C-alpha atoms as a PDB file:
ATOM      1  CA  MET A   1       0.000   0.000   0.000  1.00  0.00           C
ATOM      2  CA  LYS A   2       1.347   3.430  -0.939  1.00  0.00           C
ATOM      3  CA  ALA A   3       1.434   5.663   2.131  1.00  0.00           C
ATOM      4  CA  LYS A   4       2.103   9.373   2.645  1.00  0.00           C
ATOM      5  CA  LEU A   5       2.685  11.476   5.739  1.00  0.00           C
ATOM      6  CA  LEU A   6       1.741  15.146   5.453  1.00  0.00           C
ATOM      7  CA  ASP A   7       2.009  18.122   7.782  1.00  0.00           C
ATOM      8  CA  LEU A   8      -1.056  20.309   8.087  1.00  0.00           C
ATOM      9  CA  ARG A   9      -0.852  23.809   6.599  1.00  0.00           C
ATOM     10  CA  VAL A  10      -1.703  26.895   8.642  1.00  0.00           C
ATOM     11  CA  ALA A  11      -4.381  29.129   7.120  1.00  0.00           C
ATOM     12  CA  THR A  12      -6.914  31.742   8.270  1.00  0.00           C
ATOM     13  CA  LEU A  13     -10.700  31.710   8.298  1.00  0.00           C
ATOM     14  CA  GLY A  14     -13.046  34.668   8.528  1.00  0.00           C
ATOM     15  CA  ALA A  15     -11.636  37.578  10.521  1.00  0.00           C
ATOM     16  CA  GLY A  16      -8.259  36.018  11.229  1.00  0.00           C
ATOM     17  CA  THR A  17      -9.148  32.754  12.971  1.00  0.00           C
ATOM     18  CA  VAL A  18      -6.168  30.392  12.646  1.00  0.00           C
ATOM     19  CA  ILE A  19      -6.885  26.929  11.280  1.00  0.00           C
ATOM     20  CA  ARG A  20      -4.822  23.920  10.229  1.00  0.00           C
ATOM     21  CA  ARG A  21      -5.611  22.514   6.790  1.00  0.00           C
ATOM     22  CA  ALA A  22      -5.156  18.828   6.028  1.00  0.00           C
ATOM     23  CA  LEU A  23      -6.797  18.825   2.576  1.00  0.00           C
ATOM     24  CA  PRO A  24      -6.269  19.779  -0.160  1.00  0.00           C
ATOM     25  CA  GLN A  25      -2.475  19.761  -0.456  1.00  0.00           C
ATOM     26  CA  ARG A  26      -0.161  19.654  -3.439  1.00  0.00           C
ATOM     27  CA  GLU A  27       0.763  16.043  -2.634  1.00  0.00           C
ATOM     28  CA  LEU A  28      -2.803  14.936  -1.855  1.00  0.00           C
ATOM     29  CA  ARG A  29      -5.889  16.541  -3.343  1.00  0.00           C
ATOM     30  CA  ARG A  30      -8.543  14.360  -1.699  1.00  0.00           C
ATOM     31  CA  ILE A  31      -9.409  11.102   0.031  1.00  0.00           C
ATOM     32  CA  GLY A  32     -12.354   9.596  -1.777  1.00  0.00           C
ATOM     33  CA  ALA A  33     -14.815  12.470  -2.222  1.00  0.00           C
ATOM     34  CA  TRP A  34     -13.450  14.199   0.893  1.00  0.00           C
ATOM     35  CA  CYS A  35     -11.803  17.184  -0.788  1.00  0.00           C
ATOM     36  CA  PHE A  36     -11.264  19.637   2.053  1.00  0.00           C
ATOM     37  CA  LEU A  37     -10.501  19.268   5.770  1.00  0.00           C
ATOM     38  CA  ASP A  38      -9.854  22.005   8.306  1.00  0.00           C
ATOM     39  CA  HIS A  39      -9.184  21.655  12.030  1.00  0.00           C
ATOM     40  CA  LEU A  40     -10.002  24.797  14.010  1.00  0.00           C
ATOM     41  CA  GLY A  41      -8.863  25.132  17.611  1.00  0.00           C
ATOM     42  CA  PRO A  42      -8.798  24.532  20.411  1.00  0.00           C
ATOM     43  CA  GLN A  43      -9.261  28.319  20.436  1.00  0.00           C
ATOM     44  CA  GLY A  44      -9.558  29.965  23.840  1.00  0.00           C
ATOM     45  CA  PRO A  45     -11.865  32.849  24.798  1.00  0.00           C
ATOM     46  CA  ASP A  46      -8.944  35.291  24.704  1.00  0.00           C
ATOM     47  CA  GLN A  47      -8.555  34.612  20.961  1.00  0.00           C
ATOM     48  CA  GLY A  48     -12.013  35.909  20.079  1.00  0.00           C
ATOM     49  CA  GLY A  49     -14.891  34.061  18.499  1.00  0.00           C
ATOM     50  CA  LEU A  50     -15.508  32.873  14.976  1.00  0.00           C
ATOM     51  CA  ASP A  51     -17.405  35.225  12.668  1.00  0.00           C
ATOM     52  CA  VAL A  52     -17.742  34.015   9.078  1.00  0.00           C
ATOM     53  CA  GLY A  53     -20.179  36.182   7.132  1.00  0.00           C
ATOM     54  CA  PRO A  54     -22.554  34.984   4.393  1.00  0.00           C
ATOM     55  CA  HIS A  55     -20.670  33.263   1.596  1.00  0.00           C
ATOM     56  CA  PRO A  56     -21.671  30.938  -1.256  1.00  0.00           C
ATOM     57  CA  HIS A  57     -21.062  27.282  -2.058  1.00  0.00           C
ATOM     58  CA  VAL A  58     -21.732  25.133  -5.123  1.00  0.00           C
ATOM     59  CA  GLY A  59     -21.013  21.529  -6.064  1.00  0.00           C
ATOM     60  CA  LEU A  60     -20.241  20.240  -2.568  1.00  0.00           C
ATOM     61  CA  GLN A  61     -21.475  19.271   0.868  1.00  0.00           C
ATOM     62  CA  THR A  62     -20.122  20.935   4.016  1.00  0.00           C
ATOM     63  CA  PHE A  63     -19.814  18.559   6.945  1.00  0.00           C
ATOM     64  CA  THR A  64     -19.211  20.189  10.345  1.00  0.00           C
ATOM     65  CA  TRP A  65     -18.207  18.008  13.313  1.00  0.00           C
ATOM     66  CA  MET A  66     -18.306  19.950  16.569  1.00  0.00           C
ATOM     67  CA  LEU A  67     -15.671  19.115  19.193  1.00  0.00           C
ATOM     68  CA  GLN A  68     -15.889  21.963  21.735  1.00  0.00           C
ATOM     69  CA  GLY A  69     -18.081  25.039  22.097  1.00  0.00           C
ATOM     70  CA  GLU A  70     -21.079  26.003  19.983  1.00  0.00           C
ATOM     71  CA  LEU A  71     -21.588  27.473  16.512  1.00  0.00           C
ATOM     72  CA  LEU A  72     -24.667  29.089  14.990  1.00  0.00           C
ATOM     73  CA  HIS A  73     -25.366  28.154  11.375  1.00  0.00           C
ATOM     74  CA  ARG A  74     -27.658  30.341   9.262  1.00  0.00           C
ATOM     75  CA  ASP A  75     -28.366  29.730   5.577  1.00  0.00           C
ATOM     76  CA  SER A  76     -30.347  31.045   2.640  1.00  0.00           C
ATOM     77  CA  LEU A  77     -32.900  28.227   2.972  1.00  0.00           C
ATOM     78  CA  GLY A  78     -33.965  29.827   6.249  1.00  0.00           C
ATOM     79  CA  TYR A  79     -32.341  27.377   8.654  1.00  0.00           C
ATOM     80  CA  GLU A  80     -30.869  28.571  11.953  1.00  0.00           C
ATOM     81  CA  GLN A  81     -29.148  25.777  13.845  1.00  0.00           C
ATOM     82  CA  VAL A  82     -26.844  25.762  16.848  1.00  0.00           C
ATOM     83  CA  ILE A  83     -24.379  22.865  16.650  1.00  0.00           C
ATOM     84  CA  ARG A  84     -22.872  21.450  19.849  1.00  0.00           C
ATOM     85  CA  PRO A  85     -20.184  18.856  20.611  1.00  0.00           C
ATOM     86  CA  LYS A  86     -20.781  15.379  19.168  1.00  0.00           C
ATOM     87  CA  GLN A  87     -23.193  16.773  16.559  1.00  0.00           C
ATOM     88  CA  VAL A  88     -22.972  17.086  12.773  1.00  0.00           C
ATOM     89  CA  ASN A  89     -24.349  19.723  10.404  1.00  0.00           C
ATOM     90  CA  LEU A  90     -24.566  18.594   6.781  1.00  0.00           C
ATOM     91  CA  MET A  91     -25.247  21.295   4.203  1.00  0.00           C
ATOM     92  CA  THR A  92     -25.651  20.244   0.582  1.00  0.00           C
ATOM     93  CA  ALA A  93     -24.869  23.166  -1.696  1.00  0.00           C
ATOM     94  CA  GLY A  94     -25.677  21.557  -5.037  1.00  0.00           C
ATOM     95  CA  HIS A  95     -26.682  24.325  -7.468  1.00  0.00           C
ATOM     96  CA  GLY A  96     -26.079  27.013  -4.877  1.00  0.00           C
ATOM     97  CA  ILE A  97     -26.531  28.100  -1.260  1.00  0.00           C
ATOM     98  CA  ALA A  98     -25.156  30.770   1.069  1.00  0.00           C
ATOM     99  CA  HIS A  99     -24.544  30.503   4.814  1.00  0.00           C
ATOM    100  CA  SER A 100     -22.834  32.116   7.793  1.00  0.00           C
ATOM    101  CA  GLU A 101     -21.181  30.646  10.900  1.00  0.00           C
ATOM    102  CA  ASN A 102     -20.691  32.377  14.240  1.00  0.00           C
ATOM    103  CA  THR A 103     -19.710  31.408  17.757  1.00  0.00           C
ATOM    104  CA  VAL A 104     -22.613  31.504  20.179  1.00  0.00           C
ATOM    105  CA  SER A 105     -20.407  32.713  23.053  1.00  0.00           C
ATOM    106  CA  ASP A 106     -16.997  34.348  23.113  1.00  0.00           C
ATOM    107  CA  HIS A 107     -16.376  32.915  26.593  1.00  0.00           C
ATOM    108  CA  GLU A 108     -15.832  29.261  25.758  1.00  0.00           C
ATOM    109  CA  VAL A 109     -13.213  27.138  24.022  1.00  0.00           C
ATOM    110  CA  LEU A 110     -14.001  26.487  20.363  1.00  0.00           C
ATOM    111  CA  GLN A 111     -12.841  23.449  18.416  1.00  0.00           C
ATOM    112  CA  THR A 112     -14.314  21.956  15.280  1.00  0.00           C
ATOM    113  CA  ALA A 113     -13.437  19.950  12.187  1.00  0.00           C
ATOM    114  CA  GLN A 114     -15.013  20.937   8.886  1.00  0.00           C
ATOM    115  CA  PHE A 115     -14.949  18.754   5.803  1.00  0.00           C
ATOM    116  CA  TRP A 116     -16.080  19.322   2.243  1.00  0.00           C
ATOM    117  CA  ILE A 117     -17.416  16.470   0.159  1.00  0.00           C
ATOM    118  CA  ALA A 118     -17.262  16.890  -3.625  1.00  0.00           C
ATOM    119  CA  LEU A 119     -20.571  15.963  -5.192  1.00  0.00           C
ATOM    120  CA  PRO A 120     -20.424  13.574  -8.168  1.00  0.00           C
ATOM    121  CA  ARG A 121     -20.937  15.192 -11.555  1.00  0.00           C
ATOM    122  CA  ALA A 122     -24.475  13.775 -11.760  1.00  0.00           C
ATOM    123  CA  GLN A 123     -25.466  15.508  -8.507  1.00  0.00           C
ATOM    124  CA  LYS A 124     -23.500  18.758  -8.778  1.00  0.00           C
ATOM    125  CA  ASP A 125     -26.613  20.844  -9.528  1.00  0.00           C
ATOM    126  CA  ILE A 126     -29.138  19.235  -7.178  1.00  0.00           C
ATOM    127  CA  PRO A 127     -31.283  21.594  -5.051  1.00  0.00           C
ATOM    128  CA  PRO A 128     -29.631  22.776  -1.830  1.00  0.00           C
ATOM    129  CA  GLN A 129     -30.461  21.066   1.463  1.00  0.00           C
ATOM    130  CA  PHE A 130     -29.594  21.256   5.148  1.00  0.00           C
ATOM    131  CA  ALA A 131     -29.809  18.657   7.916  1.00  0.00           C
ATOM    132  CA  HIS A 132     -28.725  18.491  11.562  1.00  0.00           C
ATOM    133  CA  TYR A 133     -27.705  15.214  13.206  1.00  0.00           C
ATOM    134  CA  PRO A 134     -27.674  15.483  17.026  1.00  0.00           C
ATOM    135  CA  ASN A 135     -27.194  11.773  17.719  1.00  0.00           C
ATOM    136  CA  LEU A 136     -24.523   9.606  16.124  1.00  0.00           C
ATOM    137  CA  PRO A 137     -23.721   5.943  16.830  1.00  0.00           C
ATOM    138  CA  GLU A 138     -21.087   5.570  19.524  1.00  0.00           C
ATOM    139  CA  ARG A 139     -19.166   2.658  20.997  1.00  0.00           C
ATOM    140  CA  VAL A 140     -16.765   2.457  23.922  1.00  0.00           C
ATOM    141  CA  ASP A 141     -14.612  -0.668  24.015  1.00  0.00           C
ATOM    142  CA  PRO A 142     -13.788  -2.370  27.330  1.00  0.00           C
ATOM    143  CA  SER A 143     -10.260  -0.984  26.906  1.00  0.00           C
ATOM    144  CA  GLY A 144     -11.674   2.543  26.902  1.00  0.00           C
ATOM    145  CA  VAL A 145     -11.363   3.398  23.181  1.00  0.00           C
ATOM    146  CA  GLN A 146     -14.278   5.598  22.128  1.00  0.00           C
ATOM    147  CA  TYR A 147     -15.586   5.483  18.558  1.00  0.00           C
ATOM    148  CA  VAL A 148     -18.176   7.864  17.095  1.00  0.00           C
ATOM    149  CA  VAL A 149     -19.175   6.995  13.521  1.00  0.00           C
ATOM    150  CA  LEU A 150     -19.704  10.243  11.617  1.00  0.00           C
ATOM    151  CA  MET A 151     -20.479   8.815   8.186  1.00  0.00           C
ATOM    152  CA  GLY A 152     -20.759   5.378   6.647  1.00  0.00           C
ATOM    153  CA  GLN A 153     -19.998   2.171   8.525  1.00  0.00           C
ATOM    154  CA  PHE A 154     -17.284   1.198  10.984  1.00  0.00           C
ATOM    155  CA  MET A 155     -16.971  -1.649  13.480  1.00  0.00           C
ATOM    156  CA  GLY A 156     -20.589  -2.689  13.042  1.00  0.00           C
ATOM    157  CA  LEU A 157     -21.987   0.823  13.530  1.00  0.00           C
ATOM    158  CA  GLU A 158     -23.675   2.879  10.803  1.00  0.00           C
ATOM    159  CA  SER A 159     -24.113   6.648  10.742  1.00  0.00           C
ATOM    160  CA  PRO A 160     -27.484   8.162   9.758  1.00  0.00           C
ATOM    161  CA  VAL A 161     -25.668  10.889   7.774  1.00  0.00           C
ATOM    162  CA  PRO A 162     -26.219  10.179   4.036  1.00  0.00           C
ATOM    163  CA  SER A 163     -23.723  10.599   1.222  1.00  0.00           C
ATOM    164  CA  TYR A 164     -23.732  10.561  -2.580  1.00  0.00           C
ATOM    165  CA  SER A 165     -20.402   8.706  -2.720  1.00  0.00           C
ATOM    166  CA  PRO A 166     -19.082   5.638  -0.848  1.00  0.00           C
ATOM    167  CA  LEU A 167     -17.543   7.262   2.255  1.00  0.00           C
ATOM    168  CA  MET A 168     -16.803   6.727   5.923  1.00  0.00           C
ATOM    169  CA  ALA A 169     -15.557   8.837   8.823  1.00  0.00           C
ATOM    170  CA  VAL A 170     -15.025   8.026  12.485  1.00  0.00           C
ATOM    171  CA  ASP A 171     -13.821   9.999  15.511  1.00  0.00           C
ATOM    172  CA  VAL A 172     -11.527   7.998  17.822  1.00  0.00           C
ATOM    173  CA  LYS A 173     -10.388   8.841  21.367  1.00  0.00           C
ATOM    174  CA  THR A 174      -8.363   6.815  23.824  1.00  0.00           C
ATOM    175  CA  GLY A 175      -7.602   7.289  27.496  1.00  0.00           C
ATOM    176  CA  GLN A 176      -4.700   4.883  27.815  1.00  0.00           C
ATOM    177  CA  ALA A 177      -2.137   3.674  25.303  1.00  0.00           C
ATOM    178  CA  GLN A 178      -3.604   1.157  22.856  1.00  0.00           C
ATOM    179  CA  GLN A 179      -2.554  -1.275  20.156  1.00  0.00           C
ATOM    180  CA  LEU A 180      -5.410  -1.789  17.702  1.00  0.00           C
ATOM    181  CA  GLU A 181      -6.180  -3.436  14.394  1.00  0.00           C
ATOM    182  CA  TRP A 182      -9.065  -2.211  12.274  1.00  0.00           C
ATOM    183  CA  ALA A 183     -10.768  -3.979   9.397  1.00  0.00           C
ATOM    184  CA  LEU A 184     -10.746  -1.832   6.240  1.00  0.00           C
ATOM    185  CA  ASN A 185     -12.620  -1.813   2.966  1.00  0.00           C
ATOM    186  CA  PRO A 186      -9.917  -2.658   0.383  1.00  0.00           C
ATOM    187  CA  ASP A 187     -11.785  -0.566  -2.209  1.00  0.00           C
ATOM    188  CA  PHE A 188     -11.316   2.575  -0.101  1.00  0.00           C
ATOM    189  CA  GLU A 189      -8.371   4.896   0.344  1.00  0.00           C
ATOM    190  CA  TYR A 190      -7.910   6.160   3.904  1.00  0.00           C
ATOM    191  CA  GLY A 191      -6.602   9.078   5.900  1.00  0.00           C
ATOM    192  CA  VAL A 192      -5.837   9.345   9.612  1.00  0.00           C
ATOM    193  CA  LEU A 193      -5.691  12.860  11.055  1.00  0.00           C
ATOM    194  CA  VAL A 194      -4.121  13.140  14.519  1.00  0.00           C
ATOM    195  CA  LEU A 195      -5.777  15.989  16.427  1.00  0.00           C
ATOM    196  CA  LYS A 196      -4.046  15.202  19.714  1.00  0.00           C
ATOM    197  CA  GLY A 197      -1.384  12.755  20.854  1.00  0.00           C
ATOM    198  CA  GLN A 198       0.499  10.411  18.571  1.00  0.00           C
ATOM    199  CA  ALA A 199      -0.157   7.343  16.451  1.00  0.00           C
ATOM    200  CA  GLN A 200       2.071   4.702  14.944  1.00  0.00           C
ATOM    201  CA  ILE A 201       0.560   3.351  11.740  1.00  0.00           C
ATOM    202  CA  ALA A 202       2.167   0.422   9.965  1.00  0.00           C
ATOM    203  CA  GLY A 203       5.412   1.313  11.747  1.00  0.00           C
ATOM    204  CA  GLN A 204       5.258   5.031  10.840  1.00  0.00           C
ATOM    205  CA  ILE A 205       5.007   7.708  13.556  1.00  0.00           C
ATOM    206  CA  VAL A 206       2.167  10.198  12.965  1.00  0.00           C
ATOM    207  CA  ALA A 207       2.391  13.214  15.277  1.00  0.00           C
ATOM    208  CA  GLU A 208      -0.204  15.777  16.284  1.00  0.00           C
ATOM    209  CA  ASN A 209      -1.307  17.908  13.325  1.00  0.00           C
ATOM    210  CA  GLN A 210      -0.153  15.368  10.776  1.00  0.00           C
ATOM    211  CA  LEU A 211      -2.204  13.403   8.236  1.00  0.00           C
ATOM    212  CA  TRP A 212      -1.383   9.835   7.252  1.00  0.00           C
ATOM    213  CA  TYR A 213      -2.706   8.601   3.904  1.00  0.00           C
ATOM    214  CA  GLY A 214      -2.989   5.041   2.596  1.00  0.00           C
ATOM    215  CA  SER A 215      -4.146   4.057  -0.891  1.00  0.00           C
ATOM    216  CA  VAL A 216      -6.597   1.310  -1.833  1.00  0.00           C
ATOM    217  CA  GLY A 217      -5.875  -2.376  -1.427  1.00  0.00           C
ATOM    218  CA  GLN A 218      -5.572  -2.985   2.299  1.00  0.00           C
ATOM    219  CA  SER A 219      -8.134  -4.946   4.330  1.00  0.00           C
ATOM    220  CA  ALA A 220      -6.693  -4.195   7.802  1.00  0.00           C
ATOM    221  CA  LEU A 221      -4.694  -1.503   9.531  1.00  0.00           C
ATOM    222  CA  ALA A 222      -2.475  -1.918  12.590  1.00  0.00           C
ATOM    223  CA  ILE A 223      -2.288   1.223  14.728  1.00  0.00           C
ATOM    224  CA  GLN A 224      -0.756   2.101  18.083  1.00  0.00           C
ATOM    225  CA  LEU A 225      -2.035   5.122  20.006  1.00  0.00           C
ATOM    226  CA  GLU A 226      -0.393   6.855  22.913  1.00  0.00           C
ATOM    227  CA  ALA A 227      -2.493   7.736  25.979  1.00  0.00           C
ATOM    228  CA  GLY A 228      -4.914  10.611  25.461  1.00  0.00           C
ATOM    229  CA  SER A 229      -4.879  10.459  21.655  1.00  0.00           C
ATOM    230  CA  HIS A 230      -7.669  11.864  19.501  1.00  0.00           C
ATOM    231  CA  LEU A 231      -7.926  11.307  15.771  1.00  0.00           C
ATOM    232  CA  ILE A 232     -10.294  11.267  12.815  1.00  0.00           C
ATOM    233  CA  VAL A 233     -10.256   8.446  10.278  1.00  0.00           C
ATOM    234  CA  LEU A 234     -11.579   9.161   6.778  1.00  0.00           C
ATOM    235  CA  GLY A 235     -12.149   6.754   3.933  1.00  0.00           C
ATOM    236  CA  GLY A 236     -13.768   6.584   0.545  1.00  0.00           C
ATOM    237  CA  ALA A 237     -13.762   5.068  -2.905  1.00  0.00           C
ATOM    238  CA  PRO A 238     -11.372   7.034  -5.146  1.00  0.00           C
ATOM    239  CA  TYR A 239     -13.132  10.030  -6.676  1.00  0.00           C
ATOM    240  CA  THR A 240     -12.453  10.008 -10.405  1.00  0.00           C
ATOM    241  CA  ASP A 241     -14.138  13.220 -11.632  1.00  0.00           C
ATOM    242  CA  GLU A 242     -11.811  16.114 -12.344  1.00  0.00           C
ATOM    243  CA  ILE A 243     -12.730  19.117 -10.211  1.00  0.00           C
ATOM    244  CA  ALA A 244     -11.394  22.511  -9.267  1.00  0.00           C
ATOM    245  CA  ILE A 245     -11.632  23.929  -5.748  1.00  0.00           C
ATOM    246  CA  TRP A 246     -11.550  27.706  -5.866  1.00  0.00           C
ATOM    247  CA  TRP A 247     -12.618  29.927  -2.982  1.00  0.00           C
ATOM    248  CA  ASN A 248     -15.878  28.323  -1.759  1.00  0.00           C
ATOM    249  CA  PHE A 249     -16.761  26.521  -4.979  1.00  0.00           C
ATOM    250  CA  VAL A 250     -16.195  22.962  -6.163  1.00  0.00           C
ATOM    251  CA  CYS A 251     -16.720  22.909  -9.924  1.00  0.00           C
ATOM    252  CA  HIS A 252     -16.429  20.382 -12.736  1.00  0.00           C
ATOM    253  CA  SER A 253     -15.630  22.923 -15.469  1.00  0.00           C
ATOM    254  CA  GLN A 254     -14.196  26.398 -15.936  1.00  0.00           C
ATOM    255  CA  GLN A 255     -17.587  27.478 -17.296  1.00  0.00           C
ATOM    256  CA  ASP A 256     -19.383  26.330 -14.131  1.00  0.00           C
ATOM    257  CA  LEU A 257     -16.864  28.187 -11.993  1.00  0.00           C
ATOM    258  CA  GLU A 258     -17.132  31.419 -13.928  1.00  0.00           C
ATOM    259  CA  GLN A 259     -20.939  31.274 -13.825  1.00  0.00           C
ATOM    260  CA  ALA A 260     -20.991  30.715 -10.048  1.00  0.00           C
ATOM    261  CA  TYR A 261     -18.597  33.627  -9.577  1.00  0.00           C
ATOM    262  CA  GLN A 262     -20.669  35.946 -11.751  1.00  0.00           C
ATOM    263  CA  ASP A 263     -23.896  34.929 -10.011  1.00  0.00           C
ATOM    264  CA  TRP A 264     -22.473  35.636  -6.557  1.00  0.00           C
ATOM    265  CA  GLN A 265     -21.026  38.958  -7.665  1.00  0.00           C
ATOM    266  CA  GLY A 266     -24.369  39.859  -9.252  1.00  0.00           C
ATOM    267  CA  ASP A 267     -26.540  38.978  -6.219  1.00  0.00           C
ATOM    268  CA  HIS A 268     -28.285  36.275  -8.223  1.00  0.00           C
ATOM    269  CA  ALA A 269     -31.303  34.583  -6.641  1.00  0.00           C
ATOM    270  CA  ARG A 270     -29.424  31.289  -7.034  1.00  0.00           C
ATOM    271  CA  PHE A 271     -27.706  31.912  -3.676  1.00  0.00           C
ATOM    272  CA  GLY A 272     -30.589  33.544  -1.828  1.00  0.00           C
ATOM    273  CA  VAL A 273     -30.206  35.683   1.288  1.00  0.00           C
ATOM    274  CA  VAL A 274     -28.961  34.727   4.750  1.00  0.00           C
ATOM    275  CA  ALA A 275     -31.475  36.368   7.081  1.00  0.00           C
ATOM    276  CA  GLY A 276     -30.501  37.352  10.612  1.00  0.00           C
ATOM    277  CA  TYR A 277     -26.794  37.957  10.043  1.00  0.00           C
ATOM    278  CA  GLU A 278     -25.707  41.481  10.945  1.00  0.00           C
ATOM    279  CA  GLY A 279     -23.114  42.496   8.432  1.00  0.00           C
ATOM    280  CA  PRO A 280     -22.315  42.350   4.725  1.00  0.00           C
ATOM    281  CA  PRO A 281     -21.763  39.154   2.746  1.00  0.00           C
ATOM    282  CA  MET A 282     -18.227  38.116   1.905  1.00  0.00           C
ATOM    283  CA  ALA A 283     -16.755  39.470  -1.311  1.00  0.00           C
ATOM    284  CA  ALA A 284     -15.213  36.995  -3.719  1.00  0.00           C
ATOM    285  CA  PRO A 285     -11.529  37.412  -4.580  1.00  0.00           C
ATOM    286  CA  ALA A 286     -10.554  38.108  -8.169  1.00  0.00           C
ATOM    287  CA  LEU A 287     -11.211  35.099 -10.378  1.00  0.00           C
ATOM    288  CA  PRO A 288      -8.067  33.831 -12.151  1.00  0.00           C
ATOM    289  CA  ASP A 289      -8.136  33.262 -15.894  1.00  0.00           C
ATOM    290  CA  LYS A 290      -7.577  29.556 -15.394  1.00  0.00           C
ATOM    291  CA  VAL A 291      -7.858  27.307 -12.372  1.00  0.00           C
ATOM    292  CA  ARG A 292      -6.345  23.886 -11.778  1.00  0.00           C
ATOM    293  CA  PHE A 293      -8.511  20.819 -12.374  1.00  0.00           C
ATOM    294  CA  SER A 294      -7.411  17.466 -11.003  1.00  0.00           C
END
């Protein structure tokens, strides 16, 4: 199995909130249809809250997994939803949607992981949707390892969160040091993101804020975790459509990208209005003449 070990990149979100980006990277564009992964926090109260004004999406699903604190989601479909730890918000952009995200309180620690899922070409223009999942299947082994299945199936548990591509995701925490072996789907490629602690995967050390990637073809994975480790495991069937990720858009052609850009700049009804947010929508950066498709 071909494996890669990647350091997360530091980026900013909204009004200067520091995040660590696992996907996309030059060496790894996606894992299955998972095409974007940010880890925000832990961010203390002294660092200010998160304030991301109304902005558009097309051609993707945003998948928010809350770890600490609370966020308020508002969107142009009219949904207002507070998301709390151990809950998922799934927003399907499809043809177009706009939303905002804000901390509920500036006096608590904030930590979240946000993923983007590239929609298949056949579903890229479906109507937008939003769903909140407050209860996800959870298992605690006798050894104390805690599993929460975020999407797909893992260790006999199945998440209620739907997907348009074959995918899985699981949150894993351990109190004491562990040596584990997980059954894998050999048709999937996998990623292991270490949020806290350290893992040893197939003999390779994966430190905090690193992403380990393994390609298709393996039916089991041996992993050792140090005490107090926390990680997210992602998997999916290789995504074969060529796409471009530019700003907040996932597009299958330059024409689609240019049209989405023009529609957002022109206040097109395609993206609607995010009611309740006090402040202007985000302005798009200048659109390059050509973007990279891969």
